[in-house]
Amino acid sequence: MQDTLVLFNVKKGSFGLPINHVVSIEKISEISRIPNMPEYMLGIVNIRGQIIPVIDMSNLLFNQKNEIVETLAMFL
């Protein structure tokens, strides 16, 4: 049986997550920075009362920081 995937790009790579592992896709909201975190950890956001960590996958996978722009989305 095949899983349905949510496809996304990080830099020049294409990736997929099984859709049953994704709760929602959200626009990037105001990120609260946390001191002394790894470079790939951008901070946290509050989504519907839940505190969610924000990870820069470009930095985590390719060691290249991603510019945060309004068109970016995050998977929960």
C-alpha atoms as a PDB file:
ATOM      1  CA  MET A   1       0.000   0.000   0.000  1.00  0.00           C
ATOM      2  CA  GLN A   2       1.383   3.405  -0.952  1.00  0.00           C
ATOM      3  CA  ASP A   3       1.365   6.447   1.324  1.00  0.00           C
ATOM      4  CA  THR A   4       0.177   9.794   0.013  1.00  0.00           C
ATOM      5  CA  LEU A   5       2.996  12.302   0.437  1.00  0.00           C
ATOM      6  CA  VAL A   6       3.133  16.037   1.017  1.00  0.00           C
ATOM      7  CA  LEU A   7       5.977  17.195  -1.229  1.00  0.00           C
ATOM      8  CA  PHE A   8       8.196  20.184  -0.456  1.00  0.00           C
ATOM      9  CA  ASN A   9      11.537  21.639  -1.487  1.00  0.00           C
ATOM     10  CA  VAL A  10      14.491  22.597   0.662  1.00  0.00           C
ATOM     11  CA  LYS A  11      17.159  24.391  -1.368  1.00  0.00           C
ATOM     12  CA  LYS A  12      17.787  22.076  -4.338  1.00  0.00           C
ATOM     13  CA  GLY A  13      16.348  18.960  -2.710  1.00  0.00           C
ATOM     14  CA  SER A  14      12.814  17.582  -2.951  1.00  0.00           C
ATOM     15  CA  PHE A  15      11.351  15.752   0.025  1.00  0.00           C
ATOM     16  CA  GLY A  16       8.095  14.109   1.032  1.00  0.00           C
ATOM     17  CA  LEU A  17       6.305  13.456   4.301  1.00  0.00           C
ATOM     18  CA  PRO A  18       3.518  10.897   4.651  1.00  0.00           C
ATOM     19  CA  ILE A  19       0.330  12.954   4.800  1.00  0.00           C
ATOM     20  CA  ASN A  20      -0.905  11.000   7.828  1.00  0.00           C
ATOM     21  CA  HIS A  21       2.100  12.425   9.773  1.00  0.00           C
ATOM     22  CA  VAL A  22       1.115  16.029   8.973  1.00  0.00           C
ATOM     23  CA  VAL A  23      -1.484  17.684  11.221  1.00  0.00           C
ATOM     24  CA  SER A  24      -1.556  20.987   9.329  1.00  0.00           C
ATOM     25  CA  ILE A  25       0.438  23.350   7.147  1.00  0.00           C
ATOM     26  CA  GLU A  26       0.734  26.845   8.592  1.00  0.00           C
ATOM     27  CA  LYS A  27       2.066  30.186   7.429  1.00  0.00           C
ATOM     28  CA  ILE A  28       5.146  31.303   9.323  1.00  0.00           C
ATOM     29  CA  SER A  29       4.000  33.532  12.174  1.00  0.00           C
ATOM     30  CA  GLU A  30       6.015  35.583  14.628  1.00  0.00           C
ATOM     31  CA  ILE A  31       8.929  33.451  15.815  1.00  0.00           C
ATOM     32  CA  SER A  32      10.099  33.930  19.410  1.00  0.00           C
ATOM     33  CA  ARG A  33      13.852  33.454  19.549  1.00  0.00           C
ATOM     34  CA  ILE A  34      15.394  31.361  22.315  1.00  0.00           C
ATOM     35  CA  PRO A  35      19.018  31.994  23.318  1.00  0.00           C
ATOM     36  CA  ASN A  36      21.704  29.293  23.163  1.00  0.00           C
ATOM     37  CA  MET A  37      19.839  27.040  20.713  1.00  0.00           C
ATOM     38  CA  PRO A  38      21.485  25.269  17.754  1.00  0.00           C
ATOM     39  CA  GLU A  39      21.659  27.387  14.559  1.00  0.00           C
ATOM     40  CA  TYR A  40      18.969  25.294  12.845  1.00  0.00           C
ATOM     41  CA  MET A  41      16.495  26.006  15.688  1.00  0.00           C
ATOM     42  CA  LEU A  42      14.875  29.328  14.790  1.00  0.00           C
ATOM     43  CA  GLY A  43      12.745  29.538  17.927  1.00  0.00           C
ATOM     44  CA  ILE A  44       9.151  28.789  18.849  1.00  0.00           C
ATOM     45  CA  VAL A  45       5.684  29.863  17.677  1.00  0.00           C
ATOM     46  CA  ASN A  46       2.272  29.713  19.295  1.00  0.00           C
ATOM     47  CA  ILE A  47      -0.197  27.887  17.041  1.00  0.00           C
ATOM     48  CA  ARG A  48      -3.725  27.700  18.468  1.00  0.00           C
ATOM     49  CA  GLY A  49      -2.388  27.700  22.035  1.00  0.00           C
ATOM     50  CA  GLN A  50       0.360  25.137  21.430  1.00  0.00           C
ATOM     51  CA  ILE A  51       4.046  26.062  21.579  1.00  0.00           C
ATOM     52  CA  ILE A  52       5.770  24.601  18.501  1.00  0.00           C
ATOM     53  CA  PRO A  53       9.533  24.571  17.793  1.00  0.00           C
ATOM     54  CA  VAL A  54      10.545  26.049  14.424  1.00  0.00           C
ATOM     55  CA  ILE A  55      13.426  24.284  12.664  1.00  0.00           C
ATOM     56  CA  ASP A  56      15.174  25.640   9.564  1.00  0.00           C
ATOM     57  CA  MET A  57      15.408  22.448   7.487  1.00  0.00           C
ATOM     58  CA  SER A  58      17.788  24.147   5.040  1.00  0.00           C
ATOM     59  CA  ASN A  59      20.218  24.780   7.874  1.00  0.00           C
ATOM     60  CA  LEU A  60      19.699  21.344   9.435  1.00  0.00           C
ATOM     61  CA  LEU A  61      20.110  19.363   6.193  1.00  0.00           C
ATOM     62  CA  PHE A  62      22.481  21.522   4.145  1.00  0.00           C
ATOM     63  CA  ASN A  63      24.098  23.853   6.702  1.00  0.00           C
ATOM     64  CA  GLN A  64      22.691  26.848   4.762  1.00  0.00           C
ATOM     65  CA  LYS A  65      20.500  29.402   6.506  1.00  0.00           C
ATOM     66  CA  ASN A  66      17.134  30.090   4.914  1.00  0.00           C
ATOM     67  CA  GLU A  67      15.767  33.610   4.638  1.00  0.00           C
ATOM     68  CA  ILE A  68      12.423  33.824   6.413  1.00  0.00           C
ATOM     69  CA  VAL A  69       9.863  35.275   4.002  1.00  0.00           C
ATOM     70  CA  GLU A  70       6.059  35.425   4.013  1.00  0.00           C
ATOM     71  CA  THR A  71       5.749  32.630   1.443  1.00  0.00           C
ATOM     72  CA  LEU A  72       7.376  30.026   3.690  1.00  0.00           C
ATOM     73  CA  ALA A  73       5.187  27.470   5.410  1.00  0.00           C
ATOM     74  CA  MET A  74       5.732  25.057   8.253  1.00  0.00           C
ATOM     75  CA  PHE A  75       4.487  21.534   8.752  1.00  0.00           C
ATOM     76  CA  LEU A  76       2.989  20.479  12.064  1.00  0.00           C
END
